[in-house]
Amino acid sequence: DPKERFKIIKSYWSTLHKLNGDYFKELKPFEAIFDSLNSEINSTSEISIWYEETASFLSYVNVIRDDQSIIDYHGIYETFLKTFSPSIRFDFGAFYTPKELAEFVTKLIIKIISKEFPQFSLYNSNNKLIDPCCGTGTFIEQLYENFSVGDFPTLIGFEILPGPYALSQYRMSMITDQKEHLDKIKIILTNTLSDELENSVIEEENLNSFQEEINNARKLSEPPITLVIGNPPSSDSSVRSEGDKFAIIDNLLD
């Protein structure tokens, strides 16, 4: 009932680490926010009140679904964003690629490689396959699904929006059946167009979670990259930040 649900939902924050284990550790920016807000949640601040109200609201929400059906997480997020913020959806080009199209593109690439470059394989332990605007991870998922034999490559997804970033992390943790494969799938919260990726990797210990995330983005975007795959978003408006963080892309556009 709602009272029991309220207790469970409210306790979710304090049990987040235990519930999700290694998966949660991959969400480095979320972990940093979690640590920063932990004391706030247990106080009487405005954030604490907001959290309590949200938990109370959710305790009255019923989610009914057929357990036999496959949940379309990609479609769920797009539907949510369309209602929550249509402007963000258009500004960031947040329209997910249907599974069938991502599957077709992936299989076509595999076919082209086998025909044009028979001496190479897409699935090699040294290969870096990257989707620079991965969204909810449709292409990363298909690269994983089409793996059969050989060494497993590094699958990389960069995403600018926190929602799809978290969903793609969660989705991959669900479909991967081997732990060593999950360790080679890297989903990073970053802006692919930012100059930050061109800066040197920070060789220091005790970096905070945000610094670790951008550091990982720099390492993963270093050449050589074997394959760039995806469906880049398009928009009729610019959402790039002002300042000197986008000099490289601005020069290229000019």
Protein backbone atom coordinates (compact mmCIF):
# COMPACT_ATOMS: atom_id res chain seq x y z
CA ASP A 1 0.00 0.00 0.00
CA PRO A 2 1.12 3.66 -0.31
CA LYS A 3 2.47 3.81 3.25
CA GLU A 4 4.73 0.82 2.71
CA ARG A 5 5.76 2.11 -0.70
CA PHE A 6 6.64 5.48 0.79
CA LYS A 7 9.03 3.86 3.29
CA ILE A 8 10.70 1.78 0.58
CA ILE A 9 11.05 4.68 -1.86
CA LYS A 10 12.35 7.04 0.82
CA SER A 11 14.95 4.49 1.94
CA TYR A 12 16.14 4.02 -1.65
CA TRP A 13 18.57 6.94 -1.39
CA SER A 14 20.36 5.57 1.66
CA THR A 15 20.53 2.04 0.21
CA LEU A 16 21.53 3.05 -3.33
CA HIS A 17 25.12 1.85 -3.04
CA LYS A 18 24.10 -1.53 -1.63
CA LEU A 19 21.33 -2.08 -4.16
CA ASN A 20 23.37 -1.40 -7.26
CA GLY A 21 26.94 -2.26 -6.28
CA ASP A 22 29.41 -2.10 -9.17
CA TYR A 23 26.79 -0.67 -11.53
CA PHE A 24 26.36 2.43 -9.39
CA LYS A 25 30.12 3.01 -9.30
CA GLU A 26 30.06 3.46 -13.09
CA LEU A 27 27.76 6.47 -12.69
CA LYS A 28 30.56 8.69 -11.42
CA PRO A 29 28.82 12.09 -11.78
CA PHE A 30 25.72 10.68 -10.08
CA GLU A 31 27.87 9.30 -7.29
CA ALA A 32 29.42 12.76 -6.77
CA ILE A 33 25.98 14.37 -6.55
CA PHE A 34 24.82 11.59 -4.24
CA ASP A 35 27.72 12.24 -1.86
CA SER A 36 27.17 16.01 -1.97
CA LEU A 37 23.45 15.77 -1.22
CA ASN A 38 23.55 12.97 1.33
CA SER A 39 23.62 15.29 4.34
CA GLU A 40 20.93 17.48 2.77
CA ILE A 41 18.51 14.58 2.37
CA ASN A 42 18.80 13.76 6.07
CA SER A 43 18.24 17.35 7.16
CA THR A 44 15.23 19.67 7.05
CA SER A 45 16.40 21.63 4.00
CA GLU A 46 14.32 22.49 0.94
CA ILE A 47 15.93 19.59 -0.92
CA SER A 48 14.92 17.21 1.87
CA ILE A 49 11.32 18.48 1.73
CA TRP A 50 11.28 18.13 -2.07
CA TYR A 51 12.61 14.56 -1.78
CA GLU A 52 9.92 13.69 0.78
CA GLU A 53 7.17 15.14 -1.42
CA THR A 54 8.46 13.26 -4.46
CA ALA A 55 8.58 9.98 -2.53
CA SER A 56 5.05 10.63 -1.29
CA PHE A 57 3.79 11.27 -4.82
CA LEU A 58 5.48 8.15 -6.21
CA SER A 59 3.99 5.99 -3.46
CA TYR A 60 0.60 6.47 -5.12
CA VAL A 61 1.79 5.61 -8.63
CA ASN A 62 0.95 2.17 -9.99
CA VAL A 63 3.06 0.68 -12.79
CA ILE A 64 1.28 -2.25 -14.40
CA ARG A 65 2.93 -4.20 -17.18
CA ASP A 66 3.09 -7.67 -18.66
CA ASP A 67 6.21 -9.36 -17.27
CA GLN A 68 6.48 -11.37 -20.48
CA SER A 69 6.95 -8.28 -22.64
CA ILE A 70 10.30 -6.62 -23.38
CA ILE A 71 10.44 -3.08 -22.05
CA ASP A 72 11.44 -0.51 -24.66
CA TYR A 73 13.60 1.71 -22.44
CA HIS A 74 14.60 3.88 -25.38
CA GLY A 75 10.97 4.66 -26.24
CA ILE A 76 10.08 5.24 -22.59
CA TYR A 77 12.72 7.94 -22.25
CA GLU A 78 11.73 9.70 -25.47
CA THR A 79 8.07 9.71 -24.36
CA PHE A 80 9.07 11.10 -20.97
CA LEU A 81 11.24 13.85 -22.46
CA LYS A 82 8.53 14.82 -24.96
CA THR A 83 6.21 15.49 -22.02
CA PHE A 84 8.77 16.81 -19.54
CA SER A 85 10.62 19.22 -21.82
CA PRO A 86 9.85 19.34 -25.55
CA SER A 87 12.40 22.15 -25.99
CA ILE A 88 15.26 20.05 -24.58
CA ARG A 89 14.17 17.17 -26.78
CA PHE A 90 14.45 19.33 -29.91
CA ASP A 91 17.53 21.32 -28.83
CA PHE A 92 19.54 18.17 -28.14
CA GLY A 93 18.01 16.13 -30.96
CA ALA A 94 16.81 13.54 -28.45
CA PHE A 95 15.02 11.23 -30.87
CA TYR A 96 16.10 7.65 -30.37
CA THR A 97 17.04 5.39 -33.27
CA PRO A 98 14.64 2.42 -33.60
CA LYS A 99 16.20 -0.92 -32.76
CA GLU A 100 15.57 -2.23 -36.27
CA LEU A 101 17.54 0.60 -37.87
CA ALA A 102 20.45 0.32 -35.41
CA GLU A 103 20.53 -3.45 -36.01
CA PHE A 104 20.55 -2.92 -39.79
CA VAL A 105 23.40 -0.40 -39.66
CA THR A 106 25.48 -2.65 -37.37
CA LYS A 107 25.01 -5.74 -39.55
CA LEU A 108 25.72 -3.71 -42.69
CA ILE A 109 29.04 -2.53 -41.21
CA ILE A 110 29.99 -6.12 -40.31
CA LYS A 111 29.15 -7.19 -43.86
CA ILE A 112 31.16 -4.36 -45.46
CA ILE A 113 34.21 -5.10 -43.30
CA SER A 114 34.13 -8.83 -44.17
CA LYS A 115 33.94 -7.96 -47.89
CA GLU A 116 36.24 -4.94 -48.17
CA PHE A 117 38.70 -5.67 -45.35
CA PRO A 118 38.71 -9.49 -44.93
CA GLN A 119 41.98 -9.34 -43.01
CA PHE A 120 40.31 -7.32 -40.23
CA SER A 121 37.59 -8.03 -37.70
CA LEU A 122 35.31 -5.57 -35.97
CA TYR A 123 35.53 -7.70 -32.85
CA ASN A 124 39.12 -7.58 -31.69
CA SER A 125 40.34 -6.88 -28.18
CA ASN A 126 42.39 -3.88 -29.36
CA ASN A 127 39.53 -2.23 -31.24
CA LYS A 128 37.71 0.87 -29.96
CA LEU A 129 34.15 1.19 -31.25
CA ILE A 130 32.58 4.50 -30.30
CA ASP A 131 29.17 6.16 -30.54
CA PRO A 132 29.89 9.86 -29.83
CA CYS A 133 26.22 10.68 -29.15
CA CYS A 134 24.93 7.38 -27.79
CA GLY A 135 21.64 8.48 -26.20
CA THR A 136 20.05 5.51 -24.48
CA GLY A 137 22.64 3.16 -26.01
CA THR A 138 20.82 1.62 -28.99
CA PHE A 139 23.95 1.20 -31.12
CA ILE A 140 26.14 0.05 -28.22
CA GLU A 141 23.48 -2.54 -27.49
CA GLN A 142 23.48 -3.76 -31.09
CA LEU A 143 27.28 -3.98 -31.21
CA TYR A 144 27.06 -6.21 -28.16
CA GLU A 145 24.14 -8.27 -29.48
CA ASN A 146 25.93 -8.99 -32.78
CA PHE A 147 29.11 -10.20 -31.09
CA SER A 148 29.52 -13.96 -31.55
CA VAL A 149 33.13 -15.13 -31.57
CA GLY A 150 36.55 -13.57 -31.19
CA ASP A 151 38.00 -11.13 -28.72
CA PHE A 152 35.68 -8.55 -27.26
CA PRO A 153 36.47 -4.94 -28.24
CA THR A 154 35.98 -1.82 -26.15
CA LEU A 155 32.51 -0.38 -26.72
CA ILE A 156 32.32 3.35 -25.95
CA GLY A 157 29.34 5.66 -25.71
CA PHE A 158 29.47 9.41 -25.02
CA GLU A 159 26.28 11.19 -23.99
CA ILE A 160 25.55 14.78 -22.94
CA LEU A 161 22.19 14.29 -21.17
CA PRO A 162 22.17 12.58 -17.74
CA GLY A 163 18.88 10.70 -18.32
CA PRO A 164 19.91 8.71 -21.42
CA TYR A 165 23.39 8.27 -19.93
CA ALA A 166 21.98 6.54 -16.85
CA LEU A 167 19.51 4.51 -18.92
CA SER A 168 22.21 3.21 -21.25
CA GLN A 169 24.36 2.21 -18.27
CA TYR A 170 21.39 0.41 -16.73
CA ARG A 171 20.41 -1.28 -20.00
CA MET A 172 23.89 -2.64 -20.61
CA SER A 173 24.12 -3.97 -17.06
CA MET A 174 20.90 -5.89 -17.76
CA ILE A 175 21.77 -7.49 -21.12
CA THR A 176 25.43 -8.38 -20.61
CA ASP A 177 25.79 -11.97 -19.52
CA GLN A 178 29.53 -11.91 -18.88
CA LYS A 179 31.21 -9.64 -16.35
CA GLU A 180 34.37 -9.26 -18.39
CA HIS A 181 32.31 -7.92 -21.30
CA LEU A 182 30.60 -5.36 -19.08
CA ASP A 183 34.03 -4.14 -17.96
CA LYS A 184 34.83 -3.30 -21.61
CA ILE A 185 31.65 -1.28 -22.16
CA LYS A 186 32.21 2.36 -21.24
CA ILE A 187 29.37 4.89 -21.17
CA ILE A 188 30.61 8.39 -20.33
CA LEU A 189 28.70 11.58 -19.48
CA THR A 190 30.43 14.25 -21.56
CA ASN A 191 30.02 16.73 -24.39
CA THR A 192 31.69 15.26 -27.47
CA LEU A 193 32.05 18.72 -29.06
CA SER A 194 33.89 20.23 -26.09
CA ASP A 195 37.57 21.17 -26.17
CA GLU A 196 37.87 19.31 -22.85
CA LEU A 197 38.38 16.04 -24.72
CA GLU A 198 41.48 17.46 -26.40
CA ASN A 199 43.15 18.39 -23.12
CA SER A 200 45.81 16.15 -21.60
CA VAL A 201 44.82 13.29 -19.36
CA ILE A 202 45.30 14.20 -15.70
CA GLU A 203 47.83 11.81 -14.20
CA GLU A 204 46.91 12.37 -10.57
CA GLU A 205 45.39 10.37 -7.76
CA ASN A 206 42.40 11.42 -5.65
CA LEU A 207 40.48 13.03 -8.49
CA ASN A 208 36.84 13.76 -7.74
CA SER A 209 34.15 11.87 -9.64
CA PHE A 210 33.60 14.62 -12.20
CA GLN A 211 37.34 14.83 -12.94
CA GLU A 212 37.50 11.03 -13.27
CA GLU A 213 34.66 11.07 -15.78
CA ILE A 214 36.25 13.70 -18.04
CA ASN A 215 39.60 11.95 -17.65
CA ASN A 216 38.03 8.69 -18.85
CA ALA A 217 36.45 10.53 -21.79
CA ARG A 218 39.88 11.87 -22.80
CA LYS A 219 41.50 8.43 -22.59
CA LEU A 220 38.72 6.72 -24.55
CA SER A 221 38.68 9.34 -27.32
CA GLU A 222 42.40 9.08 -27.97
CA PRO A 223 43.33 7.58 -31.37
CA PRO A 224 43.35 5.04 -32.78
CA ILE A 225 39.58 4.60 -32.93
CA THR A 226 38.49 1.65 -35.06
CA LEU A 227 34.88 2.58 -35.74
CA VAL A 228 32.59 5.56 -35.23
CA ILE A 229 28.97 4.46 -35.32
CA GLY A 230 25.67 6.08 -34.41
CA ASN A 231 22.92 8.43 -35.46
CA PRO A 232 24.14 11.92 -34.52
CA PRO A 233 21.43 14.31 -33.29
CA SER A 234 20.50 17.31 -35.37
CA SER A 235 18.85 20.52 -34.28
CA ASP A 236 17.86 23.89 -35.71
CA SER A 237 19.24 25.67 -32.65
CA SER A 238 22.63 25.82 -30.97
CA VAL A 239 22.91 24.53 -27.40
CA ARG A 240 26.68 24.88 -27.08
CA SER A 241 27.87 26.88 -24.14
CA GLU A 242 29.44 30.27 -24.60
CA GLY A 243 33.12 30.76 -23.88
CA ASP A 244 36.37 29.09 -24.88
CA LYS A 245 35.29 25.46 -24.39
CA PHE A 246 34.24 25.04 -28.02
CA ALA A 247 36.99 26.80 -29.97
CA ILE A 248 37.95 23.67 -31.92
CA ILE A 249 34.48 22.86 -33.23
CA ASP A 250 33.79 26.56 -33.89
CA ASN A 251 36.94 26.82 -36.01
CA LEU A 252 35.97 23.70 -37.94
CA LEU A 253 32.50 25.11 -38.57
CA ASP A 254 33.99 28.42 -39.72
